[in-house]
Amino acid sequence: SSGINAESQSGLSQSQLDSVADCLSISKAKTKKRATYTPKEKATIARYATSNRIVDTVTHFKPQFAHLTENSVRRWKREYSKISGADGSAPEALLVGKRGRPTSLPAELDADLRRLLVTMREAGGVVNSTTIRGCLMGLVNANLTKYGTFLKFEVTHSWLTSLYTRMKFSQRKATTSRPPVSSGAYEETKLRYHFALQKVVDEYDIPEELIITLDQTPTKFFNLSNSTMSKRGESRTAVAHCGDKRTITATLAVTLSGDILPYQLIYKGTTKRCLPSADLLPAGFLLSYNKTHWSNTEETLNILNNVIKPYVDQKKKSLGKPDSQKVVVIWDDFSAHNAPRVLSLLSMLGICTVDIPKNLTHLLSPLDLTVNKKLKDFEREACASYVSRSLADHIQHNPEVGDFKLDIRLSVLKPLHAKTLTASYEFFKTVEG
């Protein structure tokens, strides 16, 4: 009633305020608790209803089942009549199927999938669209005779939503600490960045083949997403291997004309034994290693000398350009890019640079907006395939899906990862890529 007794503040008369207060004070009817019945109780009620009217059945069992409704009795009676024997035999229990639209997958397959996902999540694993699809295909491949028609089943957003709802889970995602940028500051910075790039291109008449954008991106041996399913209401979402540092750095370079240059791959290690077999990667890939797998001044000099320079020399020759023809490289404002030795090499190679503004690479870097995302898609797809194959192999030897554990040893993942990088590179070389 507080807040509804000030006639001067509301402009209403006291009688109007009293009437509103009376209406608000009426308590809402409590939601009736849904009753549950055992199969034996359902059979008992349905058996009685076969010899009596529905309304009489409800009245008869009302003292024992206060919330019994005619609709429930009518439904149980109908199911009871279907399974009753012609000789008059009556079932002792009545198992009535769930109401509502049936699931897109067969009940047994759907149940196995949900049980497997819960097991993986309880172990701290990431469960998202990628792993769900991998698990589903693994179950299908393990029993093609029964589920072969579901090999092309599409994991849509609506189906995932339905699955999460039925499992009483929700999608949870981690956030980043990237500072926000106002729209005004973004537009002004983008305009200055584009103007600086266009000025260099026009001044030196640089063709599209010699406009190169370069970017480092982390690539994981097993692409665990920062998004997973979690029980509704949980304040903490623990993920196994979420802090796994087993990644490498891939430096990608693409020209404005659409040419993809060989990758630079930086592995973590102190000897060549940390590198994958050269047979798994295309010729021209630049492999290196250091204690952190991060790019630095040495790695920047390495890619300039062994990837950028050979490409530029060959392209100048094919275009009929002189050796003095300038080249422009677009990259981020990374400290190693401004190291004295790097600047000296750039000058010697005739390369001009345009730095992408700080904190805006995710919005202005051409590779961040195109190639890098597609590379991550390749990784996720490869992970889904690996999960599917591993699960199918497990089920062939052990039908209990709850015992499934994924092998994520580096000795297993590194060759698979190398093949994924090769597949992405071959795709980017095509017209579609």
Protein backbone atom coordinates (compact mmCIF):
# COMPACT_ATOMS: atom_id res chain seq x y z
CA SER A 1 0.00 0.00 0.00
CA SER A 2 3.00 2.35 0.34
CA GLY A 3 3.11 4.69 -2.61
CA ILE A 4 -0.68 4.50 -3.14
CA ASN A 5 -1.72 6.80 -0.35
CA ALA A 6 -0.41 10.13 -1.55
CA GLU A 7 -3.36 11.90 -3.17
CA SER A 8 -1.36 15.03 -3.93
CA GLN A 9 1.45 13.17 -5.73
CA SER A 10 -0.70 10.96 -7.96
CA GLY A 11 -3.49 13.41 -8.82
CA LEU A 12 -6.11 10.74 -8.00
CA SER A 13 -8.81 11.01 -5.39
CA GLN A 14 -8.47 9.06 -2.16
CA SER A 15 -11.37 6.79 -3.14
CA GLN A 16 -9.61 5.91 -6.40
CA LEU A 17 -6.39 5.19 -4.55
CA ASP A 18 -8.22 2.95 -2.06
CA SER A 19 -9.83 1.01 -4.90
CA VAL A 20 -6.45 0.40 -6.54
CA ALA A 21 -4.96 -0.69 -3.23
CA ASP A 22 -7.80 -3.16 -2.67
CA CYS A 23 -7.21 -4.70 -6.11
CA LEU A 24 -3.46 -4.99 -5.53
CA SER A 25 -3.99 -6.62 -2.16
CA ILE A 26 -5.91 -9.52 -3.70
CA SER A 27 -3.52 -12.43 -3.65
CA LYS A 28 -2.91 -14.26 -6.86
CA ALA A 29 -4.06 -17.86 -7.07
CA LYS A 30 -1.20 -20.19 -6.43
CA THR A 31 -0.07 -22.32 -9.34
CA LYS A 32 -1.36 -25.82 -8.92
CA LYS A 33 1.44 -28.29 -8.42
CA ARG A 34 1.60 -30.88 -11.16
CA ALA A 35 0.81 -34.34 -9.87
CA THR A 36 2.84 -37.40 -10.81
CA TYR A 37 1.56 -40.95 -11.08
CA THR A 38 3.34 -44.29 -11.20
CA PRO A 39 2.68 -46.71 -14.09
CA LYS A 40 0.78 -49.00 -11.70
CA GLU A 41 -1.44 -46.13 -10.49
CA LYS A 42 -2.20 -45.15 -14.08
CA ALA A 43 -3.15 -48.74 -14.91
CA THR A 44 -5.43 -48.97 -11.85
CA ILE A 45 -7.24 -45.75 -12.75
CA ALA A 46 -7.54 -46.72 -16.43
CA ARG A 47 -8.89 -50.19 -15.53
CA TYR A 48 -11.62 -48.60 -13.41
CA ALA A 49 -12.45 -46.13 -16.20
CA THR A 50 -13.10 -48.95 -18.72
CA SER A 51 -16.16 -49.98 -16.67
CA ASN A 52 -17.26 -46.55 -15.47
CA ARG A 53 -17.77 -43.04 -16.77
CA ILE A 54 -14.81 -40.69 -16.84
CA VAL A 55 -16.41 -38.25 -14.41
CA ASP A 56 -17.28 -41.10 -12.01
CA THR A 57 -13.68 -42.33 -12.19
CA VAL A 58 -12.37 -38.90 -11.22
CA THR A 59 -14.82 -38.71 -8.32
CA HIS A 60 -13.92 -42.23 -7.17
CA PHE A 61 -10.17 -41.53 -7.01
CA LYS A 62 -10.43 -37.92 -5.86
CA PRO A 63 -9.73 -38.70 -2.16
CA GLN A 64 -6.48 -40.44 -3.15
CA PHE A 65 -5.47 -38.22 -6.09
CA ALA A 66 -6.69 -34.70 -5.42
CA HIS A 67 -5.37 -33.26 -8.70
CA LEU A 68 -6.67 -36.00 -11.01
CA THR A 69 -8.29 -34.58 -14.18
CA GLU A 70 -10.68 -35.98 -16.74
CA ASN A 71 -8.20 -35.41 -19.57
CA SER A 72 -5.60 -37.59 -17.86
CA VAL A 73 -8.11 -40.37 -17.20
CA ARG A 74 -9.39 -40.25 -20.77
CA ARG A 75 -5.86 -40.49 -22.15
CA TRP A 76 -4.87 -43.37 -19.87
CA LYS A 77 -8.06 -45.24 -20.72
CA ARG A 78 -7.32 -44.93 -24.42
CA GLU A 79 -3.74 -46.26 -23.97
CA TYR A 80 -4.97 -49.00 -21.65
CA SER A 81 -7.48 -50.24 -24.22
CA LYS A 82 -4.78 -50.44 -26.89
CA ILE A 83 -2.53 -52.77 -24.91
CA SER A 84 -5.22 -54.89 -23.23
CA GLY A 85 -5.25 -58.48 -24.49
CA ALA A 86 -8.11 -59.90 -26.57
CA ASP A 87 -8.52 -62.61 -23.95
CA GLY A 88 -9.34 -60.01 -21.34
CA SER A 89 -5.86 -59.89 -19.80
CA ALA A 90 -5.15 -56.53 -18.23
CA PRO A 91 -1.72 -54.87 -17.88
CA GLU A 92 -0.49 -54.25 -14.36
CA ALA A 93 1.34 -51.07 -15.34
CA LEU A 94 0.72 -48.38 -17.92
CA LEU A 95 3.68 -46.65 -19.56
CA VAL A 96 2.31 -43.65 -21.36
CA GLY A 97 4.61 -41.84 -23.76
CA LYS A 98 5.49 -38.21 -23.23
CA ARG A 99 3.08 -35.70 -24.65
CA GLY A 100 4.06 -33.12 -27.23
CA ARG A 101 5.94 -33.19 -30.51
CA PRO A 102 8.33 -36.15 -30.89
CA THR A 103 12.06 -35.48 -30.97
CA SER A 104 13.86 -35.15 -34.30
CA LEU A 105 16.08 -38.12 -33.43
CA PRO A 106 14.89 -41.60 -32.41
CA ALA A 107 14.24 -41.78 -28.67
CA GLU A 108 17.10 -44.22 -28.01
CA LEU A 109 19.62 -42.20 -30.03
CA ASP A 110 18.47 -38.96 -28.40
CA ALA A 111 18.80 -40.49 -24.93
CA ASP A 112 22.31 -41.84 -25.66
CA LEU A 113 23.39 -38.43 -26.95
CA ARG A 114 22.07 -36.60 -23.88
CA ARG A 115 23.69 -39.09 -21.52
CA LEU A 116 27.04 -38.76 -23.30
CA LEU A 117 26.89 -34.95 -23.24
CA VAL A 118 26.12 -34.90 -19.52
CA THR A 119 29.06 -37.24 -18.88
CA MET A 120 31.41 -35.02 -20.88
CA ARG A 121 30.16 -31.85 -19.18
CA GLU A 122 30.47 -33.35 -15.67
CA ALA A 123 34.08 -34.18 -16.54
CA GLY A 124 34.63 -30.50 -17.31
CA GLY A 125 34.64 -30.82 -21.10
CA VAL A 126 33.32 -28.23 -23.50
CA VAL A 127 29.92 -29.06 -24.96
CA ASN A 128 28.84 -26.86 -27.85
CA SER A 129 27.50 -27.25 -31.38
CA THR A 130 30.84 -28.62 -32.59
CA THR A 131 31.19 -31.35 -29.96
CA ILE A 132 27.46 -32.15 -30.06
CA ARG A 133 27.63 -32.75 -33.80
CA GLY A 134 30.78 -34.85 -33.38
CA CYS A 135 29.18 -36.98 -30.65
CA LEU A 136 25.99 -37.43 -32.67
CA MET A 137 27.86 -38.54 -35.79
CA GLY A 138 29.94 -40.89 -33.67
CA LEU A 139 26.79 -42.57 -32.33
CA VAL A 140 25.31 -42.75 -35.82
CA ASN A 141 28.47 -44.25 -37.37
CA ALA A 142 28.62 -46.81 -34.58
CA ASN A 143 25.26 -48.21 -35.72
CA LEU A 144 24.75 -47.37 -39.40
CA THR A 145 22.22 -50.16 -39.85
CA LYS A 146 19.88 -48.53 -37.36
CA TYR A 147 20.73 -44.83 -37.67
CA GLY A 148 22.31 -44.52 -41.12
CA THR A 149 19.55 -42.19 -42.33
CA PHE A 150 20.76 -39.56 -39.85
CA LEU A 151 24.27 -39.18 -41.34
CA LYS A 152 23.20 -35.90 -42.91
CA PHE A 153 21.27 -34.67 -39.89
CA GLU A 154 21.65 -30.89 -39.63
CA VAL A 155 22.44 -29.48 -36.19
CA THR A 156 20.40 -26.27 -36.40
CA HIS A 157 20.11 -23.50 -33.85
CA SER A 158 16.48 -24.39 -33.11
CA TRP A 159 17.34 -28.05 -32.55
CA LEU A 160 20.20 -27.09 -30.20
CA THR A 161 17.83 -24.82 -28.28
CA SER A 162 15.37 -27.69 -27.94
CA LEU A 163 18.14 -30.03 -26.77
CA TYR A 164 19.38 -27.56 -24.14
CA THR A 165 15.82 -27.01 -22.93
CA ARG A 166 15.09 -30.71 -22.57
CA MET A 167 18.36 -31.20 -20.70
CA LYS A 168 17.68 -28.12 -18.56
CA PHE A 169 20.97 -26.61 -19.65
CA SER A 170 21.82 -23.23 -21.10
CA GLN A 171 24.64 -21.83 -23.24
CA ARG A 172 27.35 -20.02 -21.28
CA LYS A 173 30.16 -17.97 -22.74
CA ALA A 174 33.24 -16.25 -21.35
CA THR A 175 33.88 -12.58 -21.99
CA THR A 176 37.04 -10.75 -22.95
CA SER A 177 38.70 -7.67 -21.51
CA ARG A 178 38.89 -5.80 -24.80
CA PRO A 179 38.19 -2.12 -24.07
CA PRO A 180 35.04 -0.69 -25.65
CA VAL A 181 35.33 1.84 -28.46
CA SER A 182 32.72 4.53 -29.01
CA SER A 183 31.14 4.73 -32.47
CA GLY A 184 32.44 8.27 -32.97
CA ALA A 185 36.04 7.36 -32.13
CA TYR A 186 35.82 4.25 -34.28
CA GLU A 187 34.58 6.10 -37.37
CA GLU A 188 37.24 8.80 -37.02
CA THR A 189 40.06 6.30 -36.49
CA LYS A 190 38.89 4.12 -39.39
CA LEU A 191 38.82 7.15 -41.69
CA ARG A 192 42.39 8.15 -40.77
CA TYR A 193 43.59 4.56 -41.18
CA HIS A 194 42.03 4.19 -44.63
CA PHE A 195 43.37 7.60 -45.68
CA ALA A 196 46.93 6.65 -44.65
CA LEU A 197 46.71 3.39 -46.60
CA GLN A 198 45.30 5.02 -49.71
CA LYS A 199 47.97 7.72 -49.60
CA VAL A 200 50.80 5.14 -49.67
CA VAL A 201 49.16 3.14 -52.47
CA ASP A 202 48.60 6.22 -54.62
CA GLU A 203 52.03 7.76 -53.97
CA TYR A 204 53.96 4.66 -55.07
CA ASP A 205 51.39 3.26 -57.54
CA ILE A 206 51.32 -0.09 -55.75
CA PRO A 207 49.37 -2.87 -57.55
CA GLU A 208 46.95 -5.15 -55.68
CA GLU A 209 49.41 -8.06 -55.87
CA LEU A 210 51.90 -6.09 -53.75
CA ILE A 211 49.43 -4.89 -51.10
CA ILE A 212 49.94 -7.49 -48.37
CA THR A 213 48.10 -7.83 -45.06
CA LEU A 214 49.82 -9.87 -42.37
CA ASP A 215 48.53 -11.05 -39.02
CA GLN A 216 49.44 -13.48 -36.25
CA THR A 217 46.68 -15.67 -34.88
CA PRO A 218 46.78 -18.42 -32.24
CA THR A 219 45.71 -21.82 -33.47
CA LYS A 220 44.89 -24.64 -31.09
CA PHE A 221 45.77 -28.29 -31.46
CA PHE A 222 42.27 -29.06 -30.20
CA ASN A 223 39.91 -26.14 -30.61
CA LEU A 224 38.03 -25.97 -27.32
CA SER A 225 35.50 -23.16 -27.50
CA ASN A 226 34.94 -20.70 -24.66
CA SER A 227 31.27 -21.54 -24.98
CA THR A 228 29.70 -24.63 -23.42
CA MET A 229 26.47 -25.83 -21.91
CA SER A 230 25.83 -25.53 -18.20
CA LYS A 231 22.99 -26.21 -15.81
CA ARG A 232 20.66 -23.29 -15.50
CA GLY A 233 21.39 -21.07 -12.53
CA GLU A 234 24.98 -22.20 -12.01
CA SER A 235 27.21 -19.29 -11.03
CA ARG A 236 30.41 -21.00 -12.14
CA THR A 237 31.09 -22.91 -15.35
CA ALA A 238 34.22 -25.02 -15.01
CA VAL A 239 35.77 -26.30 -18.24
CA ALA A 240 38.47 -28.93 -18.42
CA HIS A 241 41.49 -27.84 -20.46
CA CYS A 242 40.06 -24.31 -20.65
CA GLY A 243 43.51 -23.00 -19.68
CA ASP A 244 45.31 -25.37 -22.02
CA LYS A 245 48.27 -23.49 -23.51
CA ARG A 246 48.99 -26.08 -26.17
CA THR A 247 48.68 -23.73 -29.09
CA ILE A 248 50.97 -22.44 -31.79
CA THR A 249 51.15 -19.08 -33.53
CA ALA A 250 50.28 -18.97 -37.21
CA THR A 251 51.29 -15.88 -39.17
CA LEU A 252 49.12 -15.51 -42.26
CA ALA A 253 49.76 -13.21 -45.20
CA VAL A 254 47.25 -12.44 -47.97
CA THR A 255 47.41 -9.97 -50.85
CA LEU A 256 44.62 -7.67 -51.98
CA SER A 257 44.49 -9.65 -55.24
CA GLY A 258 43.61 -12.78 -53.23
CA ASP A 259 46.93 -14.64 -53.15
CA ILE A 260 47.58 -16.62 -49.95
CA LEU A 261 51.24 -16.87 -48.94
CA PRO A 262 52.70 -19.92 -47.13
CA TYR A 263 51.99 -19.94 -43.40
CA GLN A 264 54.58 -19.24 -40.76
CA LEU A 265 54.01 -21.70 -37.90
CA ILE A 266 55.72 -21.11 -34.56
CA TYR A 267 55.73 -24.09 -32.18
CA LYS A 268 56.63 -24.24 -28.52
CA GLY A 269 59.85 -26.15 -27.88
CA THR A 270 63.62 -26.03 -27.74
CA THR A 271 64.54 -28.59 -30.41
CA LYS A 272 63.28 -29.60 -33.86
CA ARG A 273 61.57 -32.59 -32.30
CA CYS A 274 58.66 -30.30 -31.35
CA LEU A 275 57.87 -29.75 -35.04
CA PRO A 276 55.42 -31.96 -36.98
CA SER A 277 56.58 -34.08 -39.88
CA ALA A 278 57.30 -31.94 -42.93
CA ASP A 279 55.39 -34.45 -45.07
CA LEU A 280 52.13 -33.32 -43.43
CA LEU A 281 52.50 -29.69 -44.50
CA PRO A 282 52.73 -28.01 -47.93
CA ALA A 283 56.09 -27.03 -49.38
CA GLY A 284 57.01 -23.47 -48.52
CA PHE A 285 55.54 -23.45 -45.01
CA LEU A 286 57.93 -21.72 -42.63
CA LEU A 287 58.35 -23.76 -39.43
CA SER A 288 60.13 -22.45 -36.36
CA TYR A 289 60.07 -22.87 -32.61
CA ASN A 290 60.89 -21.02 -29.42
CA LYS A 291 60.21 -21.33 -25.70
CA THR A 292 56.88 -19.48 -25.86
CA HIS A 293 55.56 -20.13 -29.43
CA TRP A 294 54.97 -16.36 -29.66
CA SER A 295 56.05 -14.13 -32.47
CA ASN A 296 58.94 -11.76 -31.76
CA THR A 297 61.59 -9.76 -33.57
CA GLU A 298 63.46 -12.85 -34.79
CA GLU A 299 60.26 -14.45 -36.09
CA THR A 300 59.27 -11.21 -37.83
CA LEU A 301 62.64 -11.07 -39.59
CA ASN A 302 62.23 -14.74 -40.44
CA ILE A 303 58.90 -14.31 -42.26
CA LEU A 304 60.04 -11.15 -44.04
CA ASN A 305 63.15 -12.88 -45.40
CA ASN A 306 61.71 -16.31 -46.16
CA VAL A 307 58.05 -15.71 -47.10
CA ILE A 308 57.43 -12.06 -48.02
CA LYS A 309 60.68 -11.42 -49.95
CA PRO A 310 60.52 -14.53 -52.21
CA TYR A 311 56.89 -13.79 -53.06
CA VAL A 312 57.56 -10.09 -53.76
CA ASP A 313 60.58 -10.87 -55.97
CA GLN A 314 58.63 -13.39 -58.02
CA LYS A 315 55.57 -11.13 -58.32
CA LYS A 316 57.58 -8.07 -59.41
CA LYS A 317 59.14 -10.17 -62.15
CA SER A 318 55.82 -11.56 -63.39
CA LEU A 319 54.24 -8.09 -63.37
CA GLY A 320 57.20 -6.53 -65.16
CA LYS A 321 57.88 -4.17 -62.26
CA PRO A 322 61.36 -2.85 -61.46
CA ASP A 323 63.22 -3.93 -58.35
CA SER A 324 62.61 -0.45 -56.93
CA GLN A 325 58.82 -0.99 -56.95
CA LYS A 326 57.44 -0.31 -53.48
CA VAL A 327 55.39 -2.81 -51.50
CA VAL A 328 52.96 -2.09 -48.65
CA VAL A 329 52.39 -4.39 -45.68
CA ILE A 330 49.36 -3.89 -43.43
CA TRP A 331 49.81 -5.26 -39.91
CA ASP A 332 49.03 -4.44 -36.28
CA ASP A 333 50.99 -2.17 -33.97
CA PHE A 334 53.04 -5.00 -32.48
CA SER A 335 56.29 -3.98 -30.75
CA ALA A 336 58.40 -6.39 -32.82
CA HIS A 337 57.14 -4.72 -36.01
CA ASN A 338 58.84 -1.50 -34.91
CA ALA A 339 62.11 -3.03 -33.74
CA PRO A 340 65.21 -1.30 -35.26
CA ARG A 341 66.36 -4.45 -37.11
CA VAL A 342 62.89 -4.96 -38.58
CA LEU A 343 62.63 -1.34 -39.72
CA SER A 344 66.07 -1.61 -41.31
CA LEU A 345 65.09 -4.76 -43.21
CA LEU A 346 61.82 -3.19 -44.37
CA SER A 347 63.71 -0.22 -45.76
CA MET A 348 66.17 -2.48 -47.56
CA LEU A 349 63.32 -4.51 -49.12
CA GLY A 350 61.41 -1.41 -50.19
CA ILE A 351 58.43 -2.23 -48.00
CA CYS A 352 56.18 0.49 -46.59
CA THR A 353 53.96 -0.37 -43.63
CA VAL A 354 50.57 0.82 -42.42
CA ASP A 355 49.72 -0.03 -38.81
CA ILE A 356 46.18 -1.02 -37.87
CA PRO A 357 45.03 1.20 -34.95
CA LYS A 358 45.39 -0.29 -31.47
CA ASN A 359 42.38 -2.10 -29.99
CA LEU A 360 40.68 -2.11 -33.40
CA THR A 361 42.26 -5.10 -35.14
CA HIS A 362 39.07 -7.09 -34.60
CA LEU A 363 37.19 -4.41 -36.56
CA LEU A 364 39.74 -3.19 -39.12
CA SER A 365 42.15 -6.05 -39.80
CA PRO A 366 41.23 -7.70 -43.14
CA LEU A 367 42.43 -11.08 -41.89
CA ASP A 368 40.54 -10.89 -38.60
CA LEU A 369 37.36 -10.30 -40.55
CA THR A 370 37.86 -13.06 -43.12
CA VAL A 371 40.69 -15.60 -43.22
CA ASN A 372 41.29 -16.02 -39.48
CA LYS A 373 37.63 -16.87 -38.85
CA LYS A 374 37.58 -19.41 -41.66
CA LEU A 375 40.73 -21.01 -40.26
CA LYS A 376 39.00 -21.43 -36.88
CA ASP A 377 36.02 -22.99 -38.69
CA PHE A 378 38.38 -25.56 -40.20
CA GLU A 379 39.76 -26.31 -36.72
CA ARG A 380 36.31 -26.77 -35.19
CA GLU A 381 35.17 -28.98 -38.05
CA ALA A 382 38.30 -31.12 -37.70
CA CYS A 383 37.67 -31.45 -33.95
CA ALA A 384 34.08 -32.52 -34.58
CA SER A 385 35.28 -35.17 -37.03
CA TYR A 386 37.91 -36.39 -34.57
CA VAL A 387 35.34 -36.68 -31.76
CA SER A 388 32.97 -38.52 -34.11
CA ARG A 389 35.61 -41.02 -35.25
CA SER A 390 36.87 -41.61 -31.71
CA LEU A 391 33.38 -42.16 -30.35
CA ALA A 392 32.44 -44.54 -33.15
CA ASP A 393 35.62 -46.56 -32.53
CA HIS A 394 34.91 -46.61 -28.77
CA ILE A 395 31.35 -47.87 -29.24
CA GLN A 396 32.51 -50.70 -31.48
CA HIS A 397 34.55 -52.05 -28.57
CA ASN A 398 32.45 -50.80 -25.66
CA PRO A 399 28.73 -50.01 -26.13
CA GLU A 400 28.64 -47.99 -22.89
CA VAL A 401 28.95 -44.40 -24.10
CA GLY A 402 29.31 -43.12 -20.53
CA ASP A 403 32.83 -44.57 -20.40
CA PHE A 404 34.01 -42.60 -23.43
CA LYS A 405 37.18 -40.54 -22.94
CA LEU A 406 38.74 -38.50 -25.73
CA ASP A 407 42.46 -38.92 -26.36
CA ILE A 408 43.94 -35.42 -26.49
CA ARG A 409 47.61 -36.26 -26.14
CA LEU A 410 49.84 -33.94 -28.13
CA SER A 411 51.38 -36.85 -30.02
CA VAL A 412 47.90 -37.62 -31.36
CA LEU A 413 46.67 -34.08 -31.94
CA LYS A 414 49.75 -32.56 -33.61
CA PRO A 415 49.55 -34.63 -36.84
CA LEU A 416 45.78 -34.03 -37.03
CA HIS A 417 46.35 -30.32 -36.55
CA ALA A 418 48.97 -30.21 -39.30
CA LYS A 419 46.54 -31.87 -41.72
CA THR A 420 43.88 -29.30 -40.78
CA LEU A 421 46.25 -26.41 -41.53
CA THR A 422 47.11 -28.01 -44.87
CA ALA A 423 43.41 -28.36 -45.74
CA SER A 424 42.75 -24.72 -44.89
CA TYR A 425 45.71 -23.55 -47.00
CA GLU A 426 44.56 -25.56 -50.00
CA PHE A 427 41.06 -24.10 -49.59
CA PHE A 428 42.35 -20.52 -49.49
CA LYS A 429 44.20 -21.11 -52.76
CA THR A 430 40.92 -21.91 -54.56
CA VAL A 431 38.52 -19.40 -56.10
CA GLU A 432 36.01 -20.11 -53.35
CA GLY A 433 38.63 -19.50 -50.65
